[in-house]
């Protein structure tokens, strides 16, 4: 497998525990209850290096919303026939499961399963050419880049998709320092592990070939002296036309092991029951579950904005007869945030 090892620097003043290796990987069966938090917070991308401080002390939660973070046995999972060489899966409930195996010298991923309201279950299988995630030991200042190949599998608006994909992954331990969480919680000697991977494929929507890219940015914060599972996670996934600037679909998930002391109002909860109908449409659409007043944008498969309308309320009939038959992404912007939805016009 091809890979380029970009950087390996000496670590000064770092304890022996402040590094990733096979011995401190989380074991199958380990789990942690995580609290689902406000996705609009910063990812502190520029806060790196030794002595970093990541201040999430004012983080807001979604009342009553939790997610299980667990390490599953890949050999007995529902996807064991796809990820045949994986031994573990790091699973975020109702979000993403990353399948991997490891040796004493590295950790390698065979792909992931991504659960998203519009796409359903998306499987990224890198069995043709796995992606390397770490070279052990992996500590502050270490980074690597790798390439991978495989296939995607998902259904979009009733159409099964199974395109060949290629991609690149960049990982690094980009910071070590103090993580501040709600309730006065301060965790020292935290390592931040960052993953950025870009997946490229061409999909067929109603006879139209569309090159797309799926970009995942994930930040995992570890207190290795006390836990082998992340104590905080920030994950953002974007699907867009290759080279585009308007996402066809996006999702941000923020999870904290510490219960927030303040909560986003129910009217701002991103897990709203927003729905659009009829879908497929023959020239009109309506919405239910809008919080307050909304505006909408409709984007075609090339990423071009082809329709906008402001002051949309629940059950407002919207004429889209001017749009051609095909697949579109509808972005609904209301008081609870921005919500992407798939639309078929026939």
C-alpha atoms as a PDB file:
ATOM      1  CA  UNK A   1       0.000   0.000   0.000  1.00  0.00           C
ATOM      2  CA  UNK A   2       1.335   3.414  -0.959  1.00  0.00           C
ATOM      3  CA  UNK A   3       1.786   6.117   1.620  1.00  0.00           C
ATOM      4  CA  UNK A   4       3.914   9.150   2.276  1.00  0.00           C
ATOM      5  CA  UNK A   5       5.153   9.773   5.790  1.00  0.00           C
ATOM      6  CA  UNK A   6       5.185  13.558   5.983  1.00  0.00           C
ATOM      7  CA  UNK A   7       6.506  14.418   9.406  1.00  0.00           C
ATOM      8  CA  UNK A   8       8.034  12.738  12.440  1.00  0.00           C
ATOM      9  CA  UNK A   9       9.383  15.146  15.015  1.00  0.00           C
ATOM     10  CA  UNK A  10      10.964  14.662  18.415  1.00  0.00           C
ATOM     11  CA  UNK A  11       8.636  15.179  21.356  1.00  0.00           C
ATOM     12  CA  UNK A  12       9.906  17.248  24.301  1.00  0.00           C
ATOM     13  CA  UNK A  13       8.354  17.160  27.748  1.00  0.00           C
ATOM     14  CA  UNK A  14       5.686  14.587  26.786  1.00  0.00           C
ATOM     15  CA  UNK A  15       4.934  11.698  29.092  1.00  0.00           C
ATOM     16  CA  UNK A  16       5.156   8.140  27.812  1.00  0.00           C
ATOM     17  CA  UNK A  17       1.355   7.873  27.953  1.00  0.00           C
ATOM     18  CA  UNK A  18       0.860  10.900  25.682  1.00  0.00           C
ATOM     19  CA  UNK A  19       1.085   8.931  22.471  1.00  0.00           C
ATOM     20  CA  UNK A  20      -1.073   6.500  20.559  1.00  0.00           C
ATOM     21  CA  UNK A  21       0.040   2.892  20.239  1.00  0.00           C
ATOM     22  CA  UNK A  22      -1.558  -0.509  19.922  1.00  0.00           C
ATOM     23  CA  UNK A  23      -1.530  -1.094  23.679  1.00  0.00           C
ATOM     24  CA  UNK A  24      -3.781   1.887  24.395  1.00  0.00           C
ATOM     25  CA  UNK A  25      -6.300   1.296  21.625  1.00  0.00           C
ATOM     26  CA  UNK A  26      -9.834   0.905  22.911  1.00  0.00           C
ATOM     27  CA  UNK A  27     -10.876  -2.745  23.170  1.00  0.00           C
ATOM     28  CA  UNK A  28     -13.995  -4.373  21.761  1.00  0.00           C
ATOM     29  CA  UNK A  29     -16.880  -3.866  24.174  1.00  0.00           C
ATOM     30  CA  UNK A  30     -15.692  -0.560  25.610  1.00  0.00           C
ATOM     31  CA  UNK A  31     -18.273   2.199  25.475  1.00  0.00           C
ATOM     32  CA  UNK A  32     -19.028   5.700  26.695  1.00  0.00           C
ATOM     33  CA  UNK A  33     -22.221   7.735  26.884  1.00  0.00           C
ATOM     34  CA  UNK A  34     -21.690  10.998  25.003  1.00  0.00           C
ATOM     35  CA  UNK A  35     -23.868  14.091  25.115  1.00  0.00           C
ATOM     36  CA  UNK A  36     -25.104  15.541  21.817  1.00  0.00           C
ATOM     37  CA  UNK A  37     -24.114  19.213  21.649  1.00  0.00           C
ATOM     38  CA  UNK A  38     -24.608  22.422  19.671  1.00  0.00           C
ATOM     39  CA  UNK A  39     -23.081  21.891  16.231  1.00  0.00           C
ATOM     40  CA  UNK A  40     -22.470  25.619  15.632  1.00  0.00           C
ATOM     41  CA  UNK A  41     -19.433  25.733  17.950  1.00  0.00           C
ATOM     42  CA  UNK A  42     -15.947  26.348  16.567  1.00  0.00           C
ATOM     43  CA  UNK A  43     -13.675  23.412  15.787  1.00  0.00           C
ATOM     44  CA  UNK A  44     -10.554  25.317  16.967  1.00  0.00           C
ATOM     45  CA  UNK A  45      -8.722  24.234  13.835  1.00  0.00           C
ATOM     46  CA  UNK A  46      -5.981  26.823  14.376  1.00  0.00           C
ATOM     47  CA  UNK A  47      -5.362  25.965  18.048  1.00  0.00           C
ATOM     48  CA  UNK A  48      -2.493  23.505  17.755  1.00  0.00           C
ATOM     49  CA  UNK A  49       0.867  22.589  19.242  1.00  0.00           C
ATOM     50  CA  UNK A  50       2.081  22.054  22.791  1.00  0.00           C
ATOM     51  CA  UNK A  51       0.313  23.953  25.552  1.00  0.00           C
ATOM     52  CA  UNK A  52      -2.927  24.383  23.581  1.00  0.00           C
ATOM     53  CA  UNK A  53      -6.190  25.241  25.328  1.00  0.00           C
ATOM     54  CA  UNK A  54      -9.512  24.271  23.759  1.00  0.00           C
ATOM     55  CA  UNK A  55     -12.303  26.077  25.589  1.00  0.00           C
ATOM     56  CA  UNK A  56     -15.666  24.339  25.311  1.00  0.00           C
ATOM     57  CA  UNK A  57     -16.697  25.332  28.836  1.00  0.00           C
ATOM     58  CA  UNK A  58     -19.752  27.238  27.530  1.00  0.00           C
ATOM     59  CA  UNK A  59     -20.852  24.415  25.261  1.00  0.00           C
ATOM     60  CA  UNK A  60     -24.620  24.010  24.922  1.00  0.00           C
ATOM     61  CA  UNK A  61     -26.306  20.631  24.769  1.00  0.00           C
ATOM     62  CA  UNK A  62     -29.518  19.355  23.221  1.00  0.00           C
ATOM     63  CA  UNK A  63     -31.764  18.439  26.135  1.00  0.00           C
ATOM     64  CA  UNK A  64     -32.163  14.693  26.502  1.00  0.00           C
ATOM     65  CA  UNK A  65     -30.039  13.891  23.431  1.00  0.00           C
ATOM     66  CA  UNK A  66     -27.215  11.376  23.911  1.00  0.00           C
ATOM     67  CA  UNK A  67     -25.178   9.079  21.680  1.00  0.00           C
ATOM     68  CA  UNK A  68     -23.390   5.850  22.556  1.00  0.00           C
ATOM     69  CA  UNK A  69     -19.720   5.730  21.599  1.00  0.00           C
ATOM     70  CA  UNK A  70     -18.562   2.141  21.493  1.00  0.00           C
ATOM     71  CA  UNK A  71     -16.009  -0.222  20.027  1.00  0.00           C
ATOM     72  CA  UNK A  72     -17.748  -3.059  18.232  1.00  0.00           C
ATOM     73  CA  UNK A  73     -16.432  -6.412  17.048  1.00  0.00           C
ATOM     74  CA  UNK A  74     -16.112  -5.969  13.286  1.00  0.00           C
ATOM     75  CA  UNK A  75     -16.078  -9.732  12.708  1.00  0.00           C
ATOM     76  CA  UNK A  76     -19.638 -10.101  14.060  1.00  0.00           C
ATOM     77  CA  UNK A  77     -21.104  -6.769  12.953  1.00  0.00           C
ATOM     78  CA  UNK A  78     -23.824  -6.372  10.327  1.00  0.00           C
ATOM     79  CA  UNK A  79     -21.083  -5.280   7.895  1.00  0.00           C
ATOM     80  CA  UNK A  80     -18.644  -8.158   8.469  1.00  0.00           C
ATOM     81  CA  UNK A  81     -19.044  -9.407   4.893  1.00  0.00           C
ATOM     82  CA  UNK A  82     -17.847  -6.035   3.598  1.00  0.00           C
ATOM     83  CA  UNK A  83     -15.044  -5.277   6.046  1.00  0.00           C
ATOM     84  CA  UNK A  84     -13.654  -8.795   6.101  1.00  0.00           C
ATOM     85  CA  UNK A  85     -10.191  -7.888   7.395  1.00  0.00           C
ATOM     86  CA  UNK A  86     -11.338  -5.424  10.071  1.00  0.00           C
ATOM     87  CA  UNK A  87     -11.193  -6.420  13.729  1.00  0.00           C
ATOM     88  CA  UNK A  88     -12.780  -3.346  15.345  1.00  0.00           C
ATOM     89  CA  UNK A  89     -15.255  -0.595  14.604  1.00  0.00           C
ATOM     90  CA  UNK A  90     -15.385   2.737  16.459  1.00  0.00           C
ATOM     91  CA  UNK A  91     -19.108   3.473  16.356  1.00  0.00           C
ATOM     92  CA  UNK A  92     -20.899   6.729  17.056  1.00  0.00           C
ATOM     93  CA  UNK A  93     -24.585   5.841  17.426  1.00  0.00           C
ATOM     94  CA  UNK A  94     -26.726   7.035  14.491  1.00  0.00           C
ATOM     95  CA  UNK A  95     -23.724   8.695  12.845  1.00  0.00           C
ATOM     96  CA  UNK A  96     -20.521   6.995  11.706  1.00  0.00           C
ATOM     97  CA  UNK A  97     -18.646   3.739  12.296  1.00  0.00           C
ATOM     98  CA  UNK A  98     -15.005   3.511  11.276  1.00  0.00           C
ATOM     99  CA  UNK A  99     -13.716  -0.039  10.661  1.00  0.00           C
ATOM    100  CA  UNK A 100     -10.036  -0.807  11.211  1.00  0.00           C
ATOM    101  CA  UNK A 101      -7.354  -3.238  12.258  1.00  0.00           C
ATOM    102  CA  UNK A 102      -3.881  -2.703  13.662  1.00  0.00           C
ATOM    103  CA  UNK A 103      -0.433  -4.122  14.281  1.00  0.00           C
ATOM    104  CA  UNK A 104       2.279  -3.011  16.656  1.00  0.00           C
ATOM    105  CA  UNK A 105       3.457  -0.547  13.999  1.00  0.00           C
ATOM    106  CA  UNK A 106       0.291   0.954  12.496  1.00  0.00           C
ATOM    107  CA  UNK A 107      -3.506   1.325  12.402  1.00  0.00           C
ATOM    108  CA  UNK A 108      -5.296   0.882   9.067  1.00  0.00           C
ATOM    109  CA  UNK A 109      -8.917   1.563   8.110  1.00  0.00           C
ATOM    110  CA  UNK A 110     -10.867  -0.560   5.645  1.00  0.00           C
ATOM    111  CA  UNK A 111     -13.654   2.028   5.380  1.00  0.00           C
ATOM    112  CA  UNK A 112     -16.635   3.398   7.248  1.00  0.00           C
ATOM    113  CA  UNK A 113     -20.411   3.387   7.417  1.00  0.00           C
ATOM    114  CA  UNK A 114     -22.082   6.792   7.549  1.00  0.00           C
ATOM    115  CA  UNK A 115     -25.720   7.178   8.612  1.00  0.00           C
ATOM    116  CA  UNK A 116     -27.375  10.323   7.270  1.00  0.00           C
ATOM    117  CA  UNK A 117     -31.086  11.278   7.192  1.00  0.00           C
ATOM    118  CA  UNK A 118     -31.164  12.004   3.434  1.00  0.00           C
ATOM    119  CA  UNK A 119     -28.826   9.305   2.110  1.00  0.00           C
ATOM    120  CA  UNK A 120     -29.725   6.655   4.660  1.00  0.00           C
ATOM    121  CA  UNK A 121     -26.756   4.321   5.127  1.00  0.00           C
ATOM    122  CA  UNK A 122     -23.649   5.101   3.056  1.00  0.00           C
ATOM    123  CA  UNK A 123     -20.937   2.439   3.011  1.00  0.00           C
ATOM    124  CA  UNK A 124     -17.399   3.390   2.022  1.00  0.00           C
ATOM    125  CA  UNK A 125     -15.414   0.217   1.342  1.00  0.00           C
ATOM    126  CA  UNK A 126     -11.656   0.672   0.880  1.00  0.00           C
ATOM    127  CA  UNK A 127     -10.830  -3.010   0.440  1.00  0.00           C
ATOM    128  CA  UNK A 128      -9.056  -2.366  -2.898  1.00  0.00           C
ATOM    129  CA  UNK A 129      -6.485  -0.184  -1.141  1.00  0.00           C
ATOM    130  CA  UNK A 130      -6.881   0.498   2.597  1.00  0.00           C
ATOM    131  CA  UNK A 131      -6.221   3.888   4.193  1.00  0.00           C
ATOM    132  CA  UNK A 132      -3.502   4.153   6.815  1.00  0.00           C
ATOM    133  CA  UNK A 133      -4.498   6.170   9.893  1.00  0.00           C
ATOM    134  CA  UNK A 134      -1.469   6.051  12.204  1.00  0.00           C
ATOM    135  CA  UNK A 135       2.081   4.807  12.376  1.00  0.00           C
ATOM    136  CA  UNK A 136       2.704   3.618  15.952  1.00  0.00           C
ATOM    137  CA  UNK A 137       3.815   5.248  18.152  1.00  0.00           C
ATOM    138  CA  UNK A 138       1.884   8.375  17.124  1.00  0.00           C
ATOM    139  CA  UNK A 139       2.434  11.504  19.193  1.00  0.00           C
ATOM    140  CA  UNK A 140       2.374  15.290  19.037  1.00  0.00           C
ATOM    141  CA  UNK A 141       3.835  16.475  15.739  1.00  0.00           C
ATOM    142  CA  UNK A 142       3.390  13.172  13.892  1.00  0.00           C
ATOM    143  CA  UNK A 143       1.396  13.212  10.660  1.00  0.00           C
ATOM    144  CA  UNK A 144       0.901  11.173   7.518  1.00  0.00           C
ATOM    145  CA  UNK A 145      -0.860  11.228   4.176  1.00  0.00           C
ATOM    146  CA  UNK A 146      -2.137   8.151   2.356  1.00  0.00           C
ATOM    147  CA  UNK A 147      -4.195   7.264  -0.718  1.00  0.00           C
ATOM    148  CA  UNK A 148      -6.978   4.688  -0.875  1.00  0.00           C
ATOM    149  CA  UNK A 149      -9.365   3.070  -3.383  1.00  0.00           C
ATOM    150  CA  UNK A 150     -12.665   1.235  -3.179  1.00  0.00           C
ATOM    151  CA  UNK A 151     -16.396   1.665  -3.674  1.00  0.00           C
ATOM    152  CA  UNK A 152     -19.320   3.591  -2.211  1.00  0.00           C
ATOM    153  CA  UNK A 153     -22.796   2.163  -1.723  1.00  0.00           C
ATOM    154  CA  UNK A 154     -25.903   4.192  -0.904  1.00  0.00           C
ATOM    155  CA  UNK A 155     -29.393   5.013  -2.122  1.00  0.00           C
ATOM    156  CA  UNK A 156     -30.353   8.539  -3.137  1.00  0.00           C
ATOM    157  CA  UNK A 157     -34.076   9.300  -3.601  1.00  0.00           C
ATOM    158  CA  UNK A 158     -34.765   5.646  -4.347  1.00  0.00           C
ATOM    159  CA  UNK A 159     -31.831   5.171  -6.732  1.00  0.00           C
ATOM    160  CA  UNK A 160     -29.147   2.654  -5.642  1.00  0.00           C
ATOM    161  CA  UNK A 161     -25.604   3.939  -6.185  1.00  0.00           C
ATOM    162  CA  UNK A 162     -22.402   1.887  -6.171  1.00  0.00           C
ATOM    163  CA  UNK A 163     -19.620   3.997  -7.712  1.00  0.00           C
ATOM    164  CA  UNK A 164     -15.903   3.314  -7.661  1.00  0.00           C
ATOM    165  CA  UNK A 165     -14.103   5.803  -5.421  1.00  0.00           C
ATOM    166  CA  UNK A 166     -10.590   7.055  -4.775  1.00  0.00           C
ATOM    167  CA  UNK A 167      -9.343   9.348  -2.065  1.00  0.00           C
ATOM    168  CA  UNK A 168      -6.685  10.770   0.197  1.00  0.00           C
ATOM    169  CA  UNK A 169      -6.417  10.907   3.961  1.00  0.00           C
ATOM    170  CA  UNK A 170      -4.356  13.221   6.136  1.00  0.00           C
ATOM    171  CA  UNK A 171      -4.030  12.553   9.865  1.00  0.00           C
ATOM    172  CA  UNK A 172      -2.024  14.232  12.569  1.00  0.00           C
ATOM    173  CA  UNK A 173      -1.708  14.654  16.299  1.00  0.00           C
ATOM    174  CA  UNK A 174      -1.834  18.426  16.017  1.00  0.00           C
ATOM    175  CA  UNK A 175      -2.152  19.525  19.634  1.00  0.00           C
ATOM    176  CA  UNK A 176      -1.528  18.667  23.270  1.00  0.00           C
ATOM    177  CA  UNK A 177      -2.872  20.665  26.177  1.00  0.00           C
ATOM    178  CA  UNK A 178      -5.956  21.443  28.233  1.00  0.00           C
ATOM    179  CA  UNK A 179      -9.552  20.726  27.278  1.00  0.00           C
ATOM    180  CA  UNK A 180     -12.154  22.806  29.104  1.00  0.00           C
ATOM    181  CA  UNK A 181     -15.635  21.298  29.280  1.00  0.00           C
ATOM    182  CA  UNK A 182     -18.857  22.446  30.985  1.00  0.00           C
ATOM    183  CA  UNK A 183     -19.325  22.436  34.743  1.00  0.00           C
ATOM    184  CA  UNK A 184     -15.784  23.605  35.456  1.00  0.00           C
ATOM    185  CA  UNK A 185     -14.273  20.405  34.048  1.00  0.00           C
ATOM    186  CA  UNK A 186     -10.635  20.813  33.033  1.00  0.00           C
ATOM    187  CA  UNK A 187      -8.697  17.899  31.519  1.00  0.00           C
ATOM    188  CA  UNK A 188      -4.941  18.279  31.155  1.00  0.00           C
ATOM    189  CA  UNK A 189      -2.441  16.453  28.939  1.00  0.00           C
ATOM    190  CA  UNK A 190      -5.072  15.902  26.247  1.00  0.00           C
ATOM    191  CA  UNK A 191      -3.963  14.807  22.774  1.00  0.00           C
ATOM    192  CA  UNK A 192      -5.976  15.910  19.740  1.00  0.00           C
ATOM    193  CA  UNK A 193      -6.067  13.523  16.784  1.00  0.00           C
ATOM    194  CA  UNK A 194      -7.285  15.086  13.534  1.00  0.00           C
ATOM    195  CA  UNK A 195      -8.479  13.230  10.428  1.00  0.00           C
ATOM    196  CA  UNK A 196      -9.248  14.811   7.056  1.00  0.00           C
ATOM    197  CA  UNK A 197     -10.238  12.530   4.229  1.00  0.00           C
ATOM    198  CA  UNK A 198     -11.590  13.339   0.778  1.00  0.00           C
ATOM    199  CA  UNK A 199     -13.393  10.725  -1.303  1.00  0.00           C
ATOM    200  CA  UNK A 200     -13.998  11.203  -5.034  1.00  0.00           C
ATOM    201  CA  UNK A 201     -16.562   9.331  -7.121  1.00  0.00           C
ATOM    202  CA  UNK A 202     -18.944   9.772 -10.062  1.00  0.00           C
ATOM    203  CA  UNK A 203     -22.586   8.907  -9.504  1.00  0.00           C
ATOM    204  CA  UNK A 204     -25.527   8.490 -11.872  1.00  0.00           C
ATOM    205  CA  UNK A 205     -28.692  10.475 -11.097  1.00  0.00           C
ATOM    206  CA  UNK A 206     -31.446   9.870 -13.665  1.00  0.00           C
ATOM    207  CA  UNK A 207     -28.896   9.429 -16.447  1.00  0.00           C
ATOM    208  CA  UNK A 208     -26.773  12.406 -15.386  1.00  0.00           C
ATOM    209  CA  UNK A 209     -23.181  11.612 -14.420  1.00  0.00           C
ATOM    210  CA  UNK A 210     -22.121  13.827 -11.512  1.00  0.00           C
ATOM    211  CA  UNK A 211     -18.588  13.865 -10.056  1.00  0.00           C
ATOM    212  CA  UNK A 212     -18.947  14.268  -6.294  1.00  0.00           C
ATOM    213  CA  UNK A 213     -16.640  14.501  -3.303  1.00  0.00           C
ATOM    214  CA  UNK A 214     -17.238  13.535   0.301  1.00  0.00           C
ATOM    215  CA  UNK A 215     -15.056  15.434   2.765  1.00  0.00           C
ATOM    216  CA  UNK A 216     -14.785  14.448   6.411  1.00  0.00           C
ATOM    217  CA  UNK A 217     -13.035  16.558   9.053  1.00  0.00           C
ATOM    218  CA  UNK A 218     -12.879  14.923  12.460  1.00  0.00           C
ATOM    219  CA  UNK A 219     -11.217  16.034  15.700  1.00  0.00           C
ATOM    220  CA  UNK A 220     -10.903  13.494  18.516  1.00  0.00           C
ATOM    221  CA  UNK A 221      -9.659  14.548  21.965  1.00  0.00           C
ATOM    222  CA  UNK A 222      -8.053  11.872  24.156  1.00  0.00           C
ATOM    223  CA  UNK A 223      -7.147  11.733  27.835  1.00  0.00           C
ATOM    224  CA  UNK A 224      -4.999   8.627  27.426  1.00  0.00           C
ATOM    225  CA  UNK A 225      -3.937   8.560  31.063  1.00  0.00           C
ATOM    226  CA  UNK A 226      -7.530   7.797  32.051  1.00  0.00           C
ATOM    227  CA  UNK A 227      -9.437   6.545  28.998  1.00  0.00           C
ATOM    228  CA  UNK A 228      -8.810   4.887  25.646  1.00  0.00           C
ATOM    229  CA  UNK A 229     -11.975   6.428  24.135  1.00  0.00           C
ATOM    230  CA  UNK A 230     -12.278  10.077  23.063  1.00  0.00           C
ATOM    231  CA  UNK A 231     -13.603  12.470  25.699  1.00  0.00           C
ATOM    232  CA  UNK A 232     -14.747  14.949  23.032  1.00  0.00           C
ATOM    233  CA  UNK A 233     -15.421  14.713  19.280  1.00  0.00           C
ATOM    234  CA  UNK A 234     -16.151  17.195  16.505  1.00  0.00           C
ATOM    235  CA  UNK A 235     -17.086  15.676  13.122  1.00  0.00           C
ATOM    236  CA  UNK A 236     -18.184  17.470   9.959  1.00  0.00           C
ATOM    237  CA  UNK A 237     -19.099  15.639   6.754  1.00  0.00           C
ATOM    238  CA  UNK A 238     -19.804  17.472   3.491  1.00  0.00           C
ATOM    239  CA  UNK A 239     -20.985  16.006   0.182  1.00  0.00           C
ATOM    240  CA  UNK A 240     -20.732  18.301  -2.822  1.00  0.00           C
ATOM    241  CA  UNK A 241     -20.066  18.416  -6.550  1.00  0.00           C
ATOM    242  CA  UNK A 242     -16.312  18.158  -7.143  1.00  0.00           C
ATOM    243  CA  UNK A 243     -14.901  21.663  -7.003  1.00  0.00           C
ATOM    244  CA  UNK A 244     -18.265  23.029  -5.851  1.00  0.00           C
ATOM    245  CA  UNK A 245     -18.831  25.505  -3.050  1.00  0.00           C
ATOM    246  CA  UNK A 246     -22.437  24.726  -2.112  1.00  0.00           C
ATOM    247  CA  UNK A 247     -22.845  21.418  -0.245  1.00  0.00           C
ATOM    248  CA  UNK A 248     -25.405  18.977  -1.549  1.00  0.00           C
ATOM    249  CA  UNK A 249     -25.486  17.543   1.938  1.00  0.00           C
ATOM    250  CA  UNK A 250     -23.713  18.249   5.220  1.00  0.00           C
ATOM    251  CA  UNK A 251     -23.784  17.105   8.814  1.00  0.00           C
ATOM    252  CA  UNK A 252     -21.925  18.280  11.916  1.00  0.00           C
ATOM    253  CA  UNK A 253     -21.841  16.198  15.088  1.00  0.00           C
ATOM    254  CA  UNK A 254     -20.385  17.436  18.385  1.00  0.00           C
ATOM    255  CA  UNK A 255     -20.163  14.987  21.300  1.00  0.00           C
ATOM    256  CA  UNK A 256     -18.976  15.567  24.852  1.00  0.00           C
ATOM    257  CA  UNK A 257     -18.325  13.042  27.608  1.00  0.00           C
ATOM    258  CA  UNK A 258     -19.305  15.743  30.127  1.00  0.00           C
ATOM    259  CA  UNK A 259     -22.931  16.795  30.502  1.00  0.00           C
ATOM    260  CA  UNK A 260     -23.463  20.436  29.426  1.00  0.00           C
ATOM    261  CA  UNK A 261     -24.960  22.699  32.085  1.00  0.00           C
ATOM    262  CA  UNK A 262     -26.997  24.764  29.599  1.00  0.00           C
ATOM    263  CA  UNK A 263     -29.094  23.658  26.664  1.00  0.00           C
ATOM    264  CA  UNK A 264     -30.183  24.872  23.261  1.00  0.00           C
ATOM    265  CA  UNK A 265     -33.874  25.790  23.285  1.00  0.00           C
ATOM    266  CA  UNK A 266     -36.201  23.223  21.821  1.00  0.00           C
ATOM    267  CA  UNK A 267     -36.984  25.653  19.033  1.00  0.00           C
ATOM    268  CA  UNK A 268     -33.318  25.517  17.995  1.00  0.00           C
ATOM    269  CA  UNK A 269     -32.973  21.759  18.132  1.00  0.00           C
ATOM    270  CA  UNK A 270     -31.437  20.605  14.843  1.00  0.00           C
ATOM    271  CA  UNK A 271     -33.206  17.268  15.247  1.00  0.00           C
ATOM    272  CA  UNK A 272     -36.529  18.814  14.208  1.00  0.00           C
ATOM    273  CA  UNK A 273     -39.249  16.837  12.428  1.00  0.00           C
ATOM    274  CA  UNK A 274     -38.946  18.800   9.208  1.00  0.00           C
ATOM    275  CA  UNK A 275     -40.516  17.130   6.188  1.00  0.00           C
ATOM    276  CA  UNK A 276     -41.184  18.018   2.536  1.00  0.00           C
ATOM    277  CA  UNK A 277     -43.945  16.650   0.339  1.00  0.00           C
ATOM    278  CA  UNK A 278     -44.925  15.453  -2.210  1.00  0.00           C
ATOM    279  CA  UNK A 279     -41.591  13.897  -3.080  1.00  0.00           C
ATOM    280  CA  UNK A 280     -41.216  13.005  -5.946  1.00  0.00           C
ATOM    281  CA  UNK A 281     -42.913  16.221  -7.021  1.00  0.00           C
ATOM    282  CA  UNK A 282     -44.726  17.142 -10.213  1.00  0.00           C
ATOM    283  CA  UNK A 283     -44.542  20.904  -9.806  1.00  0.00           C
ATOM    284  CA  UNK A 284     -45.209  21.909  -6.212  1.00  0.00           C
ATOM    285  CA  UNK A 285     -43.854  21.227  -2.725  1.00  0.00           C
ATOM    286  CA  UNK A 286     -44.931  21.982   0.835  1.00  0.00           C
ATOM    287  CA  UNK A 287     -43.174  21.740   4.189  1.00  0.00           C
ATOM    288  CA  UNK A 288     -44.135  20.804   7.720  1.00  0.00           C
ATOM    289  CA  UNK A 289     -42.035  21.085  10.865  1.00  0.00           C
ATOM    290  CA  UNK A 290     -40.580  24.510   9.980  1.00  0.00           C
ATOM    291  CA  UNK A 291     -39.531  26.499  13.039  1.00  0.00           C
ATOM    292  CA  UNK A 292     -40.786  30.058  12.618  1.00  0.00           C
ATOM    293  CA  UNK A 293     -40.275  31.447   9.130  1.00  0.00           C
ATOM    294  CA  UNK A 294     -37.911  29.853   6.630  1.00  0.00           C
ATOM    295  CA  UNK A 295     -36.192  30.497   3.333  1.00  0.00           C
ATOM    296  CA  UNK A 296     -35.341  27.785   0.837  1.00  0.00           C
ATOM    297  CA  UNK A 297     -32.745  27.223  -1.857  1.00  0.00           C
ATOM    298  CA  UNK A 298     -32.868  24.523  -4.526  1.00  0.00           C
ATOM    299  CA  UNK A 299     -29.548  23.346  -5.975  1.00  0.00           C
ATOM    300  CA  UNK A 300     -29.090  21.167  -9.056  1.00  0.00           C
ATOM    301  CA  UNK A 301     -26.622  18.306  -9.496  1.00  0.00           C
ATOM    302  CA  UNK A 302     -23.873  20.636 -10.720  1.00  0.00           C
ATOM    303  CA  UNK A 303     -24.069  22.672  -7.514  1.00  0.00           C
ATOM    304  CA  UNK A 304     -25.843  25.602  -9.185  1.00  0.00           C
ATOM    305  CA  UNK A 305     -28.538  27.429  -7.231  1.00  0.00           C
ATOM    306  CA  UNK A 306     -31.652  27.318  -9.442  1.00  0.00           C
ATOM    307  CA  UNK A 307     -34.435  28.493  -7.125  1.00  0.00           C
ATOM    308  CA  UNK A 308     -34.849  30.587  -3.957  1.00  0.00           C
ATOM    309  CA  UNK A 309     -37.842  31.694  -1.944  1.00  0.00           C
ATOM    310  CA  UNK A 310     -38.139  33.628   1.301  1.00  0.00           C
ATOM    311  CA  UNK A 311     -40.889  33.807   3.926  1.00  0.00           C
ATOM    312  CA  UNK A 312     -41.828  30.146   3.722  1.00  0.00           C
ATOM    313  CA  UNK A 313     -44.179  28.908   6.433  1.00  0.00           C
ATOM    314  CA  UNK A 314     -45.587  25.495   7.271  1.00  0.00           C
ATOM    315  CA  UNK A 315     -47.991  24.253   4.585  1.00  0.00           C
ATOM    316  CA  UNK A 316     -47.036  27.078   2.198  1.00  0.00           C
ATOM    317  CA  UNK A 317     -47.457  25.757  -1.352  1.00  0.00           C
ATOM    318  CA  UNK A 318     -44.374  26.495  -3.464  1.00  0.00           C
ATOM    319  CA  UNK A 319     -44.478  26.241  -7.245  1.00  0.00           C
ATOM    320  CA  UNK A 320     -41.395  24.656  -8.840  1.00  0.00           C
ATOM    321  CA  UNK A 321     -42.953  24.052 -12.257  1.00  0.00           C
ATOM    322  CA  UNK A 322     -40.141  26.036 -13.926  1.00  0.00           C
ATOM    323  CA  UNK A 323     -37.557  23.445 -12.887  1.00  0.00           C
ATOM    324  CA  UNK A 324     -36.627  20.581 -15.167  1.00  0.00           C
ATOM    325  CA  UNK A 325     -37.159  16.964 -14.243  1.00  0.00           C
ATOM    326  CA  UNK A 326     -34.317  15.496 -12.221  1.00  0.00           C
ATOM    327  CA  UNK A 327     -32.653  15.353  -8.825  1.00  0.00           C
ATOM    328  CA  UNK A 328     -32.062  18.391  -6.595  1.00  0.00           C
ATOM    329  CA  UNK A 329     -30.955  19.313  -3.101  1.00  0.00           C
ATOM    330  CA  UNK A 330     -33.265  21.585  -1.114  1.00  0.00           C
ATOM    331  CA  UNK A 331     -31.722  23.678   1.675  1.00  0.00           C
ATOM    332  CA  UNK A 332     -34.248  24.868   4.255  1.00  0.00           C
ATOM    333  CA  UNK A 333     -32.984  27.677   6.507  1.00  0.00           C
ATOM    334  CA  UNK A 334     -35.127  28.263   9.582  1.00  0.00           C
ATOM    335  CA  UNK A 335     -34.636  29.163  13.232  1.00  0.00           C
ATOM    336  CA  UNK A 336     -33.209  25.731  14.021  1.00  0.00           C
ATOM    337  CA  UNK A 337     -30.490  25.885  11.351  1.00  0.00           C
ATOM    338  CA  UNK A 338     -29.939  24.715   7.784  1.00  0.00           C
ATOM    339  CA  UNK A 339     -31.467  21.419   6.690  1.00  0.00           C
ATOM    340  CA  UNK A 340     -30.533  19.665   3.394  1.00  0.00           C
ATOM    341  CA  UNK A 341     -33.166  17.442   1.778  1.00  0.00           C
ATOM    342  CA  UNK A 342     -33.239  15.392  -1.430  1.00  0.00           C
ATOM    343  CA  UNK A 343     -35.914  16.294  -4.001  1.00  0.00           C
ATOM    344  CA  UNK A 344     -36.960  14.413  -7.123  1.00  0.00           C
ATOM    345  CA  UNK A 345     -38.985  16.225  -9.831  1.00  0.00           C
ATOM    346  CA  UNK A 346     -40.716  14.071 -12.405  1.00  0.00           C
END
